[in-house]
PDB file of N, CA and C in Angstrom:
ATOM      1  N   MET A   1       0.922  -1.152   0.067  1.00  0.00           N
ATOM      2  CA  MET A   1       0.115   0.171   0.072  1.00  0.00           C
ATOM      3  C   MET A   1       0.861   1.093  -0.103  1.00  0.00           C
ATOM      4  N   LYS A   2       0.434   2.245  -0.824  1.00  0.00           N
ATOM      5  CA  LYS A   2       1.267   3.649  -1.127  1.00  0.00           C
ATOM      6  C   LYS A   2       0.599   4.488   0.326  1.00  0.00           C
ATOM      7  N   THR A   3       1.801   5.226   0.685  1.00  0.00           N
ATOM      8  CA  THR A   3       1.370   6.267   1.821  1.00  0.00           C
ATOM      9  C   THR A   3       0.916   7.466   1.289  1.00  0.00           C
ATOM     10  N   ALA A   4       0.623   8.263   1.815  1.00  0.00           N
ATOM     11  CA  ALA A   4      -0.240   9.526   1.509  1.00  0.00           C
ATOM     12  C   ALA A   4      -0.119  10.424   2.634  1.00  0.00           C
ATOM     13  N   SER A   5       0.284  11.723   2.420  1.00  0.00           N
ATOM     14  CA  SER A   5       0.686  12.383   3.302  1.00  0.00           C
ATOM     15  C   SER A   5      -0.611  13.253   3.949  1.00  0.00           C
ATOM     16  N   GLY A   6      -0.592  13.905   4.901  1.00  0.00           N
ATOM     17  CA  GLY A   6      -1.805  14.369   5.914  1.00  0.00           C
ATOM     18  C   GLY A   6      -2.570  15.491   4.824  1.00  0.00           C
ATOM     19  N   LYS A   7      -2.046  16.104   3.820  1.00  0.00           N
ATOM     20  CA  LYS A   7      -2.583  17.206   3.199  1.00  0.00           C
ATOM     21  C   LYS A   7      -3.262  16.464   2.023  1.00  0.00           C
ATOM     22  N   HIS A   8      -2.400  15.253   1.543  1.00  0.00           N
ATOM     23  CA  HIS A   8      -3.259  14.886   0.081  1.00  0.00           C
ATOM     24  C   HIS A   8      -4.298  14.039   0.670  1.00  0.00           C
ATOM     25  N   PHE A   9      -4.304  13.119   2.097  1.00  0.00           N
ATOM     26  CA  PHE A   9      -5.555  12.347   2.556  1.00  0.00           C
ATOM     27  C   PHE A   9      -6.756  13.364   2.831  1.00  0.00           C
ATOM     28  N   CYS A  10      -6.364  14.804   3.169  1.00  0.00           N
ATOM     29  CA  CYS A  10      -7.644  15.179   3.289  1.00  0.00           C
ATOM     30  C   CYS A  10      -8.426  15.959   2.183  1.00  0.00           C
ATOM     31  N   LYS A  11      -7.648  16.214   1.018  1.00  0.00           N
ATOM     32  CA  LYS A  11      -8.032  16.123  -0.315  1.00  0.00           C
ATOM     33  C   LYS A  11      -8.814  15.429  -0.632  1.00  0.00           C
ATOM     34  N   VAL A  12      -8.362  13.776  -0.732  1.00  0.00           N
ATOM     35  CA  VAL A  12      -9.086  12.727  -0.919  1.00  0.00           C
ATOM     36  C   VAL A  12     -10.412  12.917  -0.231  1.00  0.00           C
ATOM     37  N   LEU A  13     -10.519  12.917   1.377  1.00  0.00           N
ATOM     38  CA  LEU A  13     -11.711  12.813   2.179  1.00  0.00           C
ATOM     39  C   LEU A  13     -12.442  13.751   1.761  1.00  0.00           C
ATOM     40  N   GLU A  14     -12.238  15.141   1.196  1.00  0.00           N
ATOM     41  CA  GLU A  14     -13.021  16.324   1.085  1.00  0.00           C
ATOM     42  C   GLU A  14     -13.752  15.828  -0.395  1.00  0.00           C
ATOM     43  N   LYS A  15     -12.966  15.287  -1.473  1.00  0.00           N
ATOM     44  CA  LYS A  15     -13.381  14.629  -2.704  1.00  0.00           C
ATOM     45  C   LYS A  15     -14.832  13.572  -2.405  1.00  0.00           C
ATOM     46  N   HIS A  16     -14.597  12.759  -1.287  1.00  0.00           N
ATOM     47  CA  HIS A  16     -15.501  12.012  -1.174  1.00  0.00           C
ATOM     48  C   HIS A  16     -16.557  12.437  -0.087  1.00  0.00           C
ATOM     49  N   GLY A  17     -16.761  13.473   0.079  1.00  0.00           N
ATOM     50  CA  GLY A  17     -17.792  14.290   0.535  1.00  0.00           C
ATOM     51  C   GLY A  17     -17.659  14.523   2.312  1.00  0.00           C
ATOM     52  N   TRP A  18     -16.465  14.393   2.588  1.00  0.00           N
ATOM     53  CA  TRP A  18     -15.984  14.518   4.447  1.00  0.00           C
ATOM     54  C   TRP A  18     -16.156  15.989   4.164  1.00  0.00           C
ATOM     55  N   VAL A  19     -16.271  16.585   5.390  1.00  0.00           N
ATOM     56  CA  VAL A  19     -16.432  18.211   5.787  1.00  0.00           C
ATOM     57  C   VAL A  19     -15.576  18.643   6.997  1.00  0.00           C
ATOM     58  N   LEU A  20     -14.367  19.524   6.634  1.00  0.00           N
ATOM     59  CA  LEU A  20     -13.710  19.453   7.862  1.00  0.00           C
ATOM     60  C   LEU A  20     -14.336  20.772   8.472  1.00  0.00           C
ATOM     61  N   LYS A  21     -14.486  20.162   9.996  1.00  0.00           N
ATOM     62  CA  LYS A  21     -15.132  20.899  11.307  1.00  0.00           C
ATOM     63  C   LYS A  21     -14.125  21.986  11.748  1.00  0.00           C
ATOM     64  N   ARG A  22     -13.300  21.380  11.966  1.00  0.00           N
ATOM     65  CA  ARG A  22     -12.401  22.628  12.732  1.00  0.00           C
ATOM     66  C   ARG A  22     -10.860  21.856  12.836  1.00  0.00           C
ATOM     67  N   THR A  23     -10.019  22.434  13.420  1.00  0.00           N
ATOM     68  CA  THR A  23      -8.749  22.158  13.257  1.00  0.00           C
ATOM     69  C   THR A  23      -8.023  22.331  14.526  1.00  0.00           C
ATOM     70  N   THR A  24      -7.106  21.393  14.963  1.00  0.00           N
ATOM     71  CA  THR A  24      -6.407  21.674  16.444  1.00  0.00           C
ATOM     72  C   THR A  24      -5.294  22.441  16.546  1.00  0.00           C
ATOM     73  N   LYS A  25      -5.039  23.126  17.915  1.00  0.00           N
ATOM     74  CA  LYS A  25      -3.830  23.396  17.860  1.00  0.00           C
ATOM     75  C   LYS A  25      -2.695  22.349  17.486  1.00  0.00           C
ATOM     76  N   SER A  26      -2.764  21.296  17.335  1.00  0.00           N
ATOM     77  CA  SER A  26      -1.351  20.441  17.014  1.00  0.00           C
ATOM     78  C   SER A  26      -1.570  19.839  15.849  1.00  0.00           C
ATOM     79  N   SER A  27      -2.154  20.770  14.793  1.00  0.00           N
ATOM     80  CA  SER A  27      -2.386  20.694  13.435  1.00  0.00           C
ATOM     81  C   SER A  27      -3.078  19.059  13.113  1.00  0.00           C
ATOM     82  N   HIS A  28      -4.106  18.704  13.534  1.00  0.00           N
ATOM     83  CA  HIS A  28      -5.044  17.648  13.312  1.00  0.00           C
ATOM     84  C   HIS A  28      -6.228  18.500  12.868  1.00  0.00           C
ATOM     85  N   PHE A  29      -6.726  17.734  11.483  1.00  0.00           N
ATOM     86  CA  PHE A  29      -7.606  17.991  10.792  1.00  0.00           C
ATOM     87  C   PHE A  29      -9.030  17.290  11.341  1.00  0.00           C
ATOM     88  N   ILE A  30      -9.759  18.105  11.583  1.00  0.00           N
ATOM     89  CA  ILE A  30     -11.259  17.047  12.293  1.00  0.00           C
ATOM     90  C   ILE A  30     -11.939  17.059  11.292  1.00  0.00           C
ATOM     91  N   TYR A  31     -12.485  15.572  10.697  1.00  0.00           N
ATOM     92  CA  TYR A  31     -13.584  15.868   9.682  1.00  0.00           C
ATOM     93  C   TYR A  31     -14.719  14.968  10.055  1.00  0.00           C
ATOM     94  N   THR A  32     -15.986  15.197   9.303  1.00  0.00           N
ATOM     95  CA  THR A  32     -16.957  14.571   9.481  1.00  0.00           C
ATOM     96  C   THR A  32     -18.192  14.424   8.473  1.00  0.00           C
ATOM     97  N   LYS A  33     -18.925  13.871   8.013  1.00  0.00           N
ATOM     98  CA  LYS A  33     -19.622  13.362   7.132  1.00  0.00           C
ATOM     99  C   LYS A  33     -20.970  13.299   7.499  1.00  0.00           C
ATOM    100  N   PRO A  34     -21.579  13.830   6.614  1.00  0.00           N
ATOM    101  CA  PRO A  34     -23.435  14.108   6.728  1.00  0.00           C
ATOM    102  C   PRO A  34     -24.026  12.608   6.639  1.00  0.00           C
ATOM    103  N   GLY A  35     -24.637  11.916   7.773  1.00  0.00           N
ATOM    104  CA  GLY A  35     -24.895  10.846   7.436  1.00  0.00           C
ATOM    105  C   GLY A  35     -24.070   9.596   7.913  1.00  0.00           C
ATOM    106  N   ASN A  36     -22.727   9.797   8.622  1.00  0.00           N
ATOM    107  CA  ASN A  36     -21.895   9.050   9.226  1.00  0.00           C
ATOM    108  C   ASN A  36     -21.688   9.434  10.302  1.00  0.00           C
ATOM    109  N   PRO A  37     -21.771   8.554  11.320  1.00  0.00           N
ATOM    110  CA  PRO A  37     -21.230   8.766  12.779  1.00  0.00           C
ATOM    111  C   PRO A  37     -20.056   8.926  12.946  1.00  0.00           C
ATOM    112  N   ALA A  38     -19.221   8.820  12.082  1.00  0.00           N
ATOM    113  CA  ALA A  38     -17.741   8.544  12.362  1.00  0.00           C
ATOM    114  C   ALA A  38     -17.069  10.103  12.268  1.00  0.00           C
ATOM    115  N   THR A  39     -16.209  10.385  13.150  1.00  0.00           N
ATOM    116  CA  THR A  39     -14.987  11.640  13.004  1.00  0.00           C
ATOM    117  C   THR A  39     -14.182  11.272  13.061  1.00  0.00           C
ATOM    118  N   LEU A  40     -13.209  11.614  12.002  1.00  0.00           N
ATOM    119  CA  LEU A  40     -12.017  11.313  11.559  1.00  0.00           C
ATOM    120  C   LEU A  40     -10.932  12.366  11.896  1.00  0.00           C
ATOM    121  N   SER A  41      -9.698  12.241  12.757  1.00  0.00           N
ATOM    122  CA  SER A  41      -8.907  12.941  12.722  1.00  0.00           C
ATOM    123  C   SER A  41      -7.465  12.704  11.897  1.00  0.00           C
ATOM    124  N   VAL A  42      -7.340  13.777  11.126  1.00  0.00           N
ATOM    125  CA  VAL A  42      -6.075  13.398  10.336  1.00  0.00           C
ATOM    126  C   VAL A  42      -5.085  14.495  10.779  1.00  0.00           C
ATOM    127  N   PRO A  43      -3.757  13.888  11.330  1.00  0.00           N
ATOM    128  CA  PRO A  43      -2.346  14.985  11.223  1.00  0.00           C
ATOM    129  C   PRO A  43      -2.218  15.059   9.981  1.00  0.00           C
ATOM    130  N   VAL A  44      -1.862  16.751  10.014  1.00  0.00           N
ATOM    131  CA  VAL A  44      -1.214  17.259   8.731  1.00  0.00           C
ATOM    132  C   VAL A  44       0.210  17.827   9.479  1.00  0.00           C
ATOM    133  N   HIS A  45       1.365  17.362   9.189  1.00  0.00           N
ATOM    134  CA  HIS A  45       2.235  17.807   9.568  1.00  0.00           C
ATOM    135  C   HIS A  45       3.459  18.000   8.393  1.00  0.00           C
ATOM    136  N   GLY A  46       2.918  19.212   7.643  1.00  0.00           N
ATOM    137  CA  GLY A  46       3.618  19.480   6.570  1.00  0.00           C
ATOM    138  C   GLY A  46       3.327  18.403   5.493  1.00  0.00           C
ATOM    139  N   ASN A  47       4.560  18.086   4.529  1.00  0.00           N
ATOM    140  CA  ASN A  47       4.151  17.363   3.917  1.00  0.00           C
ATOM    141  C   ASN A  47       4.663  15.670   4.332  1.00  0.00           C
ATOM    142  N   LYS A  48       4.505  15.541   5.476  1.00  0.00           N
ATOM    143  CA  LYS A  48       5.232  14.316   6.108  1.00  0.00           C
ATOM    144  C   LYS A  48       4.108  13.198   6.215  1.00  0.00           C
ATOM    145  N   ASP A  49       4.767  11.581   5.535  1.00  0.00           N
ATOM    146  CA  ASP A  49       3.385  11.002   5.174  1.00  0.00           C
ATOM    147  C   ASP A  49       3.204  10.291   6.471  1.00  0.00           C
ATOM    148  N   LEU A  50       1.666   9.742   6.795  1.00  0.00           N
ATOM    149  CA  LEU A  50       0.921   9.163   7.358  1.00  0.00           C
ATOM    150  C   LEU A  50       1.473   7.799   7.943  1.00  0.00           C
ATOM    151  N   LYS A  51       1.583   7.474   8.783  1.00  0.00           N
ATOM    152  CA  LYS A  51       2.347   6.102   9.625  1.00  0.00           C
ATOM    153  C   LYS A  51       0.922   4.825   8.579  1.00  0.00           C
ATOM    154  N   LYS A  52       1.644   3.861   8.264  1.00  0.00           N
ATOM    155  CA  LYS A  52       0.630   3.101   7.583  1.00  0.00           C
ATOM    156  C   LYS A  52      -0.433   2.774   8.475  1.00  0.00           C
ATOM    157  N   GLY A  53      -0.435   2.064   9.494  1.00  0.00           N
ATOM    158  CA  GLY A  53      -1.482   1.395  10.072  1.00  0.00           C
ATOM    159  C   GLY A  53      -2.349   3.023  10.783  1.00  0.00           C
ATOM    160  N   LEU A  54      -2.078   3.977  10.734  1.00  0.00           N
ATOM    161  CA  LEU A  54      -3.041   4.992  11.026  1.00  0.00           C
ATOM    162  C   LEU A  54      -3.857   5.033   9.598  1.00  0.00           C
ATOM    163  N   GLN A  55      -3.072   5.392   8.584  1.00  0.00           N
ATOM    164  CA  GLN A  55      -3.771   5.075   7.443  1.00  0.00           C
ATOM    165  C   GLN A  55      -4.722   4.110   6.877  1.00  0.00           C
ATOM    166  N   ILE A  56      -4.470   3.018   7.003  1.00  0.00           N
ATOM    167  CA  ILE A  56      -5.255   2.054   7.026  1.00  0.00           C
ATOM    168  C   ILE A  56      -6.242   1.848   7.869  1.00  0.00           C
ATOM    169  N   ASP A  57      -6.643   2.650   8.989  1.00  0.00           N
ATOM    170  CA  ASP A  57      -7.591   2.557   9.751  1.00  0.00           C
ATOM    171  C   ASP A  57      -8.546   3.895   9.655  1.00  0.00           C
ATOM    172  N   LEU A  58      -7.821   5.246   9.146  1.00  0.00           N
ATOM    173  CA  LEU A  58      -8.586   5.886   8.861  1.00  0.00           C
ATOM    174  C   LEU A  58      -9.391   5.987   7.386  1.00  0.00           C
ATOM    175  N   MET A  59      -8.784   4.833   6.633  1.00  0.00           N
ATOM    176  CA  MET A  59      -9.092   4.524   5.232  1.00  0.00           C
ATOM    177  C   MET A  59     -10.592   3.547   5.649  1.00  0.00           C
ATOM    178  N   LYS A  60     -10.416   2.630   6.307  1.00  0.00           N
ATOM    179  CA  LYS A  60     -11.698   2.075   7.116  1.00  0.00           C
ATOM    180  C   LYS A  60     -12.731   2.605   7.177  1.00  0.00           C
ATOM    181  N   GLN A  61     -12.362   3.675   8.334  1.00  0.00           N
ATOM    182  CA  GLN A  61     -13.290   4.220   8.967  1.00  0.00           C
ATOM    183  C   GLN A  61     -14.118   5.318   7.418  1.00  0.00           C
ATOM    184  N   ALA A  62     -13.301   5.928   6.793  1.00  0.00           N
ATOM    185  CA  ALA A  62     -13.885   6.613   5.816  1.00  0.00           C
ATOM    186  C   ALA A  62     -14.631   5.705   4.512  1.00  0.00           C
ATOM    187  N   GLY A  63     -14.445   4.616   4.815  1.00  0.00           N
ATOM    188  CA  GLY A  63     -14.921   3.730   3.567  1.00  0.00           C
ATOM    189  C   GLY A  63     -13.949   3.981   2.240  1.00  0.00           C
ATOM    190  N   LEU A  64     -12.964   4.250   2.470  1.00  0.00           N
ATOM    191  CA  LEU A  64     -12.061   4.477   1.081  1.00  0.00           C
ATOM    192  C   LEU A  64     -11.236   2.965   0.860  1.00  0.00           C
ATOM    193  N   THR A  65     -10.982   2.859  -0.506  1.00  0.00           N
ATOM    194  CA  THR A  65      -9.999   1.952  -0.937  1.00  0.00           C
ATOM    195  C   THR A  65      -8.775   2.825  -1.245  1.00  0.00           C
ATOM    196  N   GLU A  66      -7.325   1.676  -1.609  1.00  0.00           N
ATOM    197  CA  GLU A  66      -6.437   1.981  -1.974  1.00  0.00           C
ATOM    198  C   GLU A  66      -6.536   2.904  -3.611  1.00  0.00           C
ATOM    199  N   ASP A  67      -7.597   2.411  -4.237  1.00  0.00           N
ATOM    200  CA  ASP A  67      -7.658   2.950  -5.414  1.00  0.00           C
ATOM    201  C   ASP A  67      -7.674   4.591  -5.544  1.00  0.00           C
ATOM    202  N   ASP A  68      -8.826   4.837  -4.335  1.00  0.00           N
ATOM    203  CA  ASP A  68      -9.137   6.364  -3.931  1.00  0.00           C
ATOM    204  C   ASP A  68      -8.002   7.405  -3.683  1.00  0.00           C
ATOM    205  N   LEU A  69      -7.006   6.669  -3.463  1.00  0.00           N
ATOM    206  CA  LEU A  69      -5.747   7.672  -3.345  1.00  0.00           C
ATOM    207  C   LEU A  69      -5.282   7.968  -4.366  1.00  0.00           C
TER     208      LEU A  69
END
């Protein structure tokens, strides 16, 4: 599986209907989706790639596949 940066992952989420609700002081972007009870917290630290396990977990919660990246 290819890894994505936090910035790129946020763009993919927004493309699939997720809405940015807020950001935290520690550079985490909080996303929600209408009709979906999940809340996703994506760390965005420049162009640094997400860790593989975190990315897999976020993708499962968001209903994304590797092809979506």
